[in-house]
Amino acid sequence: MNTLATTSAIQAQQDIADEFAFFGDWTERYQYLIDLGKQLPPFPDEWKSEDYRVHGCQSMVWLIPSGDASNMHFDATSDSAIVSGLIALVLRVYSDRSAAEIVASEPAFIQEIGLAKHLSPTRSNGLVAMLAKLKAHAAAALEK
């Protein structure tokens, strides 16, 4: 598997689409999402503050940006197994990239793998809120 640093956001999205194509049904895809979420790096409890909370999500989600416009890194977690899997996908596409690439990259993988049709409205809203917050951090880094 390619590491984040060696692929573009576009390639990362294609890799995700290829992985999800292996699974025949959404039961398997949800299980894969849950497994991806379990692989997120540890997220210290002290980071779970209101300052980093993503509002608009039904579950609790925290997103912490670091780095600068040349290379932005994001740490994130959720109290929901499926949302943690969504976070793992989002971080694969957007973390450890330049702010310009983050702002310019649309999350096409969400439609491509069929996530848009298979998420509840509240999870979809939360995913949109998380992407908006992540892109806002990148846009702010570009303005500095």
Protein backbone atom coordinates (compact mmCIF):
# COMPACT_ATOMS: atom_id res chain seq x y z
CA MET A 1 0.00 0.00 0.00
CA ASN A 2 1.26 3.48 -0.81
CA THR A 3 2.05 5.81 2.04
CA LEU A 4 0.40 9.19 2.30
CA ALA A 5 3.56 11.06 1.47
CA THR A 6 4.08 9.33 -1.88
CA THR A 7 0.60 9.66 -3.33
CA SER A 8 -1.48 12.62 -4.37
CA ALA A 9 -4.98 13.25 -3.03
CA ILE A 10 -6.31 12.08 -6.39
CA GLN A 11 -4.31 8.83 -6.23
CA ALA A 12 -5.38 8.24 -2.62
CA GLN A 13 -9.01 8.55 -3.70
CA GLN A 14 -8.45 6.11 -6.56
CA ASP A 15 -6.79 3.65 -4.16
CA ILE A 16 -9.82 3.89 -1.86
CA ALA A 17 -12.20 3.28 -4.78
CA ASP A 18 -10.14 0.25 -5.84
CA GLU A 19 -10.20 -1.18 -2.29
CA PHE A 20 -13.96 -0.75 -1.92
CA ALA A 21 -14.51 -2.40 -5.33
CA PHE A 22 -13.25 -5.66 -3.80
CA PHE A 23 -16.28 -5.88 -1.51
CA GLY A 24 -19.49 -7.30 -2.91
CA ASP A 25 -21.98 -5.70 -0.57
CA TRP A 26 -22.38 -2.91 1.93
CA THR A 27 -22.22 -5.20 4.95
CA GLU A 28 -18.61 -5.99 3.97
CA ARG A 29 -17.89 -2.34 3.18
CA TYR A 30 -19.19 -1.19 6.57
CA GLN A 31 -17.03 -3.83 8.27
CA TYR A 32 -14.02 -2.56 6.29
CA LEU A 33 -14.82 1.01 7.38
CA ILE A 34 -14.99 -0.10 11.01
CA ASP A 35 -11.66 -1.92 10.63
CA LEU A 36 -10.07 1.21 9.12
CA GLY A 37 -11.34 3.27 12.05
CA LYS A 38 -9.70 0.87 14.51
CA GLN A 39 -6.35 1.59 12.82
CA LEU A 40 -6.43 5.33 13.51
CA PRO A 41 -3.46 6.48 15.59
CA PRO A 42 -4.12 6.98 19.32
CA PHE A 43 -5.89 10.25 20.12
CA PRO A 44 -5.12 11.52 23.63
CA ASP A 45 -8.13 12.40 25.79
CA GLU A 46 -6.73 15.88 26.44
CA TRP A 47 -7.18 16.64 22.72
CA LYS A 48 -10.91 15.99 23.03
CA SER A 49 -11.77 19.60 23.79
CA GLU A 50 -14.50 21.86 22.51
CA ASP A 51 -11.86 23.82 20.54
CA TYR A 52 -11.31 20.83 18.25
CA ARG A 53 -14.83 19.45 18.12
CA VAL A 54 -16.49 19.28 14.71
CA HIS A 55 -20.06 20.53 15.04
CA GLY A 56 -22.72 19.19 12.71
CA CYS A 57 -21.87 15.57 13.45
CA GLN A 58 -24.33 13.41 15.38
CA SER A 59 -21.43 11.54 16.94
CA MET A 60 -18.58 13.26 18.72
CA VAL A 61 -15.76 14.13 16.30
CA TRP A 62 -12.53 15.98 17.02
CA LEU A 63 -10.13 17.28 14.35
CA ILE A 64 -6.75 18.83 15.10
CA PRO A 65 -4.69 20.55 12.41
CA SER A 66 -0.92 20.96 12.56
CA GLY A 67 1.85 21.99 10.21
CA ASP A 68 1.76 24.89 7.79
CA ALA A 69 0.61 25.62 4.24
CA SER A 70 3.40 23.51 2.74
CA ASN A 71 2.42 20.37 4.67
CA MET A 72 -0.68 20.09 6.81
CA HIS A 73 -1.29 17.15 9.10
CA PHE A 74 -4.58 16.26 10.74
CA ASP A 75 -5.35 14.06 13.71
CA ALA A 76 -8.96 13.08 14.27
CA THR A 77 -11.17 10.64 16.12
CA SER A 78 -14.79 9.85 16.84
CA ASP A 79 -16.81 7.97 19.41
CA SER A 80 -18.53 6.08 16.55
CA ALA A 81 -16.94 3.07 14.84
CA ILE A 82 -18.27 3.86 11.36
CA VAL A 83 -17.45 7.57 11.68
CA SER A 84 -13.92 6.63 12.74
CA GLY A 85 -13.66 4.68 9.48
CA LEU A 86 -14.86 7.73 7.54
CA ILE A 87 -12.20 9.77 9.34
CA ALA A 88 -9.55 7.23 8.31
CA LEU A 89 -10.57 7.69 4.66
CA VAL A 90 -10.67 11.49 4.90
CA LEU A 91 -7.23 11.60 6.54
CA ARG A 92 -5.83 9.34 3.85
CA VAL A 93 -6.96 11.78 1.19
CA TYR A 94 -6.26 15.08 2.95
CA SER A 95 -3.65 14.72 5.71
CA ASP A 96 0.06 15.32 5.06
CA ARG A 97 -0.59 17.42 1.95
CA SER A 98 -0.09 21.04 1.04
CA ALA A 99 -2.92 23.41 1.94
CA ALA A 100 -3.29 24.23 -1.77
CA GLU A 101 -3.83 20.55 -2.66
CA ILE A 102 -6.30 20.15 0.22
CA VAL A 103 -8.37 23.14 -0.87
CA ALA A 104 -8.28 22.07 -4.55
CA SER A 105 -9.19 18.39 -3.98
CA GLU A 106 -12.86 17.51 -4.05
CA PRO A 107 -13.88 14.34 -2.17
CA ALA A 108 -14.93 12.41 -5.29
CA PHE A 109 -14.35 9.08 -3.52
CA ILE A 110 -17.54 9.59 -1.47
CA GLN A 111 -19.68 9.26 -4.62
CA GLU A 112 -17.36 6.80 -6.32
CA ILE A 113 -17.54 4.14 -3.62
CA GLY A 114 -21.25 4.69 -3.07
CA LEU A 115 -20.90 6.18 0.40
CA ALA A 116 -23.23 9.05 -0.42
CA LYS A 117 -26.12 6.62 -0.94
CA HIS A 118 -25.35 4.42 2.05
CA LEU A 119 -24.81 6.90 4.86
CA SER A 120 -27.66 8.12 7.02
CA PRO A 121 -28.46 11.84 6.57
CA THR A 122 -26.88 12.63 9.94
CA ARG A 123 -23.64 10.82 9.02
CA SER A 124 -23.61 12.54 5.62
CA ASN A 125 -24.04 15.92 7.31
CA GLY A 126 -21.24 15.08 9.72
CA LEU A 127 -18.92 14.06 6.88
CA VAL A 128 -19.68 17.32 5.08
CA ALA A 129 -19.02 19.27 8.31
CA MET A 130 -15.70 17.48 8.86
CA LEU A 131 -14.56 18.14 5.27
CA ALA A 132 -15.62 21.79 5.56
CA LYS A 133 -13.64 22.24 8.79
CA LEU A 134 -10.58 20.52 7.35
CA LYS A 135 -10.69 22.67 4.20
CA ALA A 136 -11.22 25.80 6.31
CA HIS A 137 -8.02 25.01 8.25
CA ALA A 138 -6.18 24.61 4.94
CA ALA A 139 -7.61 27.85 3.55
CA ALA A 140 -6.55 29.69 6.73
CA ALA A 141 -3.03 28.26 6.38
CA LEU A 142 -2.87 29.58 2.82
CA GLU A 143 -3.81 33.07 3.99
CA LYS A 144 -0.93 33.20 6.49
